Amino acid sequence: MTSPRDRFLIALDLFSAEARAAADGLGRRSACSGWTIGDVVRHVTGVQREHAGVALLQEEEAAPSAPVDETEALDAWELLSAELRSAAVDAEDDAFGELAMPTLDLALHAWDIRWGTIGNGLGRNLEFPRALLEWMEEFRWHANEASVRGPGIFAAAVVPPDGATASERLAAWAGRDPRVAA
């Protein structure tokens, strides 16, 4: 099993890669109901600023974020992710103690972005890196359902289709329909 730092860095890189790959399609819908890919990028930027910014950048509280349009969303993310990556490499291990949900958020939203691109015939569902997937499955089995379901967290779980991959099953647990866009 990977360390919390390694998981955070893997998820950070995964989300960044998917966001960059979708740069020409930020207005496309994502796997998050009612959200475009640009909305997902803005959301993740805010969540990471609020949680990882405090833990890794020693910000006393999240800086208020100015609304950015879709063309600025990716630039804002790229700046923050570079800061977080640099800080994560040098941070003390205990800095990652409160970053389980933000790490999971990064990974799942990377999946959401890919889902939005495959709806336009641009690929196939994201398969999480093995080390990250193992941790995410462990998180899933130990999660307090009452605390992970509700507005701003996860929708009700979806029954995964027959033959679903482990990544698709995890997305279904998080309330995503894993095959709509495929």
Protein backbone atom coordinates (compact mmCIF):
# COMPACT_ATOMS: atom_id res chain seq x y z
CA MET A 1 0.00 0.00 0.00
CA THR A 2 1.27 3.46 -0.84
CA SER A 3 1.83 6.26 1.64
CA PRO A 4 -0.67 9.14 1.98
CA ARG A 5 1.88 11.44 0.31
CA ASP A 6 2.32 9.08 -2.64
CA ARG A 7 -1.45 8.68 -3.05
CA PHE A 8 -1.96 12.42 -2.98
CA LEU A 9 0.76 12.96 -5.60
CA ILE A 10 -0.60 10.18 -7.83
CA ALA A 11 -4.11 11.65 -7.62
CA LEU A 12 -2.80 15.18 -8.20
CA ASP A 13 -0.95 14.08 -11.33
CA LEU A 14 -3.91 12.02 -12.55
CA PHE A 15 -6.33 14.92 -12.21
CA SER A 16 -3.89 17.35 -13.83
CA ALA A 17 -3.34 15.03 -16.80
CA GLU A 18 -7.09 14.58 -17.37
CA ALA A 19 -7.77 18.31 -17.02
CA ARG A 20 -5.02 19.13 -19.53
CA ALA A 21 -6.28 16.48 -21.96
CA ALA A 22 -9.76 18.03 -21.82
CA ALA A 23 -8.54 21.61 -22.26
CA ASP A 24 -10.34 22.01 -25.59
CA GLY A 25 -13.59 20.67 -24.15
CA LEU A 26 -14.09 22.46 -20.84
CA GLY A 27 -17.68 23.22 -21.81
CA ARG A 28 -18.58 19.54 -22.25
CA ARG A 29 -20.69 17.85 -19.61
CA SER A 30 -18.92 15.75 -17.02
CA ALA A 31 -20.01 12.73 -15.01
CA CYS A 32 -21.14 15.15 -12.28
CA SER A 33 -24.79 15.90 -12.92
CA GLY A 34 -25.26 19.46 -14.14
CA TRP A 35 -21.52 20.22 -14.24
CA THR A 36 -19.27 20.84 -17.21
CA ILE A 37 -15.66 19.74 -17.22
CA GLY A 38 -14.73 23.36 -16.50
CA ASP A 39 -17.05 23.31 -13.47
CA VAL A 40 -15.23 20.21 -12.21
CA VAL A 41 -11.85 21.92 -12.64
CA ARG A 42 -13.09 24.98 -10.74
CA HIS A 43 -14.57 22.78 -7.98
CA VAL A 44 -11.37 20.78 -7.54
CA THR A 45 -9.32 23.98 -7.46
CA GLY A 46 -11.52 25.28 -4.64
CA VAL A 47 -11.51 22.02 -2.66
CA GLN A 48 -7.76 21.62 -2.95
CA ARG A 49 -7.14 25.26 -2.05
CA GLU A 50 -9.34 24.82 1.01
CA HIS A 51 -7.91 21.52 2.25
CA ALA A 52 -4.49 20.85 0.72
CA GLY A 53 -3.70 24.57 0.72
CA VAL A 54 -4.12 24.64 4.48
CA ALA A 55 -2.29 21.34 5.07
CA LEU A 56 0.57 21.73 2.61
CA LEU A 57 0.92 25.45 1.91
CA GLN A 58 0.35 26.42 5.56
CA GLU A 59 -2.39 28.82 4.56
CA GLU A 60 -4.39 29.75 7.63
CA GLU A 61 -7.59 29.50 5.66
CA ALA A 62 -8.49 29.08 2.06
CA ALA A 63 -8.10 32.23 0.05
CA PRO A 64 -11.42 33.28 -1.42
CA SER A 65 -11.49 32.29 -5.03
CA ALA A 66 -12.67 34.71 -7.64
CA PRO A 67 -15.03 33.20 -10.17
CA VAL A 68 -13.14 32.20 -13.27
CA ASP A 69 -14.58 31.36 -16.64
CA GLU A 70 -13.80 28.07 -18.31
CA THR A 71 -10.84 29.49 -20.20
CA GLU A 72 -9.23 30.59 -16.92
CA ALA A 73 -10.18 27.48 -14.93
CA LEU A 74 -7.36 25.31 -16.21
CA ASP A 75 -4.75 28.05 -15.70
CA ALA A 76 -5.91 28.53 -12.09
CA TRP A 77 -5.67 24.77 -11.54
CA GLU A 78 -2.22 24.52 -13.09
CA LEU A 79 -0.86 27.24 -10.80
CA LEU A 80 -2.32 25.65 -7.67
CA SER A 81 -1.31 22.11 -8.60
CA ALA A 82 2.30 23.20 -9.16
CA GLU A 83 2.34 24.82 -5.71
CA LEU A 84 0.78 21.74 -4.11
CA ARG A 85 3.16 19.32 -5.84
CA SER A 86 6.19 21.29 -4.71
CA ALA A 87 4.91 21.58 -1.15
CA ALA A 88 3.87 17.90 -1.00
CA VAL A 89 7.35 16.70 -1.85
CA ASP A 90 8.85 18.57 1.11
CA ALA A 91 5.96 18.33 3.61
CA GLU A 92 6.12 16.36 6.84
CA ASP A 93 4.21 13.06 6.75
CA ASP A 94 1.63 14.28 9.25
CA ALA A 95 0.55 17.03 6.81
CA PHE A 96 -1.31 14.35 4.84
CA GLY A 97 -3.39 13.18 7.80
CA GLU A 98 -6.45 15.22 6.78
CA LEU A 99 -6.13 14.75 3.03
CA ALA A 100 -7.90 11.41 2.48
CA MET A 101 -11.12 12.95 1.13
CA PRO A 102 -9.29 15.60 -0.94
CA THR A 103 -7.16 12.80 -2.43
CA LEU A 104 -10.25 10.76 -3.24
CA ASP A 105 -11.85 13.92 -4.66
CA LEU A 106 -8.93 14.43 -7.05
CA ALA A 107 -9.08 10.87 -8.32
CA LEU A 108 -12.85 10.69 -8.76
CA HIS A 109 -12.99 14.02 -10.52
CA ALA A 110 -10.24 12.86 -12.89
CA TRP A 111 -12.64 10.03 -13.73
CA ASP A 112 -15.48 12.54 -14.18
CA ILE A 113 -13.47 14.55 -16.68
CA ARG A 114 -12.53 11.47 -18.71
CA TRP A 115 -16.19 10.41 -18.71
CA GLY A 116 -17.04 13.75 -20.30
CA THR A 117 -14.50 13.31 -23.06
CA ILE A 118 -15.54 9.76 -23.94
CA GLY A 119 -19.09 10.99 -24.45
CA ASN A 120 -17.68 12.67 -27.53
CA GLY A 121 -15.85 9.59 -28.75
CA LEU A 122 -12.49 10.74 -27.43
CA GLY A 123 -11.38 7.67 -25.54
CA ARG A 124 -12.56 5.20 -22.96
CA ASN A 125 -13.20 5.21 -19.23
CA LEU A 126 -10.31 6.03 -16.95
CA GLU A 127 -8.79 3.12 -15.10
CA PHE A 128 -7.27 4.28 -11.82
CA PRO A 129 -3.60 3.46 -11.23
CA ARG A 130 -3.38 0.22 -9.27
CA ALA A 131 -1.82 1.70 -6.11
CA LEU A 132 -4.47 4.41 -5.96
CA LEU A 133 -7.31 2.01 -6.78
CA GLU A 134 -6.32 -0.37 -3.97
CA TRP A 135 -6.42 2.47 -1.47
CA MET A 136 -9.71 3.80 -2.88
CA GLU A 137 -11.32 0.37 -2.53
CA GLU A 138 -10.07 0.13 1.04
CA PHE A 139 -11.48 3.61 1.71
CA ARG A 140 -14.79 2.54 0.21
CA TRP A 141 -15.13 -0.51 2.44
CA HIS A 142 -14.40 1.49 5.59
CA ALA A 143 -16.33 4.66 4.71
CA ASN A 144 -19.16 5.78 6.94
CA GLU A 145 -22.01 5.84 4.41
CA ALA A 146 -23.87 8.56 6.29
CA SER A 147 -20.88 10.88 6.08
CA VAL A 148 -20.08 10.30 2.39
CA ARG A 149 -23.61 10.65 0.99
CA GLY A 150 -25.38 13.93 0.48
CA PRO A 151 -25.13 17.31 -1.19
CA GLY A 152 -21.57 18.26 -2.00
CA ILE A 153 -20.26 14.75 -1.38
CA PHE A 154 -21.48 11.59 -3.17
CA ALA A 155 -24.88 10.84 -4.64
CA ALA A 156 -26.52 7.51 -3.92
CA ALA A 157 -24.56 4.53 -5.16
CA VAL A 158 -25.39 3.22 -8.62
CA VAL A 159 -25.58 -0.49 -9.39
CA PRO A 160 -22.59 -1.20 -11.64
CA PRO A 161 -23.25 -3.00 -14.90
CA ASP A 162 -22.24 -6.61 -15.45
CA GLY A 163 -18.59 -6.84 -16.32
CA ALA A 164 -17.74 -3.47 -14.76
CA THR A 165 -14.07 -2.89 -14.09
CA ALA A 166 -12.87 -2.15 -10.58
CA SER A 167 -12.63 1.54 -11.51
CA GLU A 168 -16.20 1.53 -12.86
CA ARG A 169 -17.44 -0.18 -9.69
CA LEU A 170 -15.74 2.46 -7.58
CA ALA A 171 -17.28 5.25 -9.69
CA ALA A 172 -20.70 3.61 -9.30
CA TRP A 173 -20.22 3.50 -5.52
CA ALA A 174 -19.50 7.24 -5.66
CA GLY A 175 -22.80 7.84 -7.46
CA ARG A 176 -21.53 8.01 -11.02
CA ASP A 177 -23.12 6.11 -13.90
CA PRO A 178 -20.03 4.37 -15.22
CA ARG A 179 -21.18 3.61 -18.73
CA VAL A 180 -23.49 6.43 -19.89
CA ALA A 181 -20.87 8.14 -21.96
CA ALA A 182 -19.14 5.03 -23.24
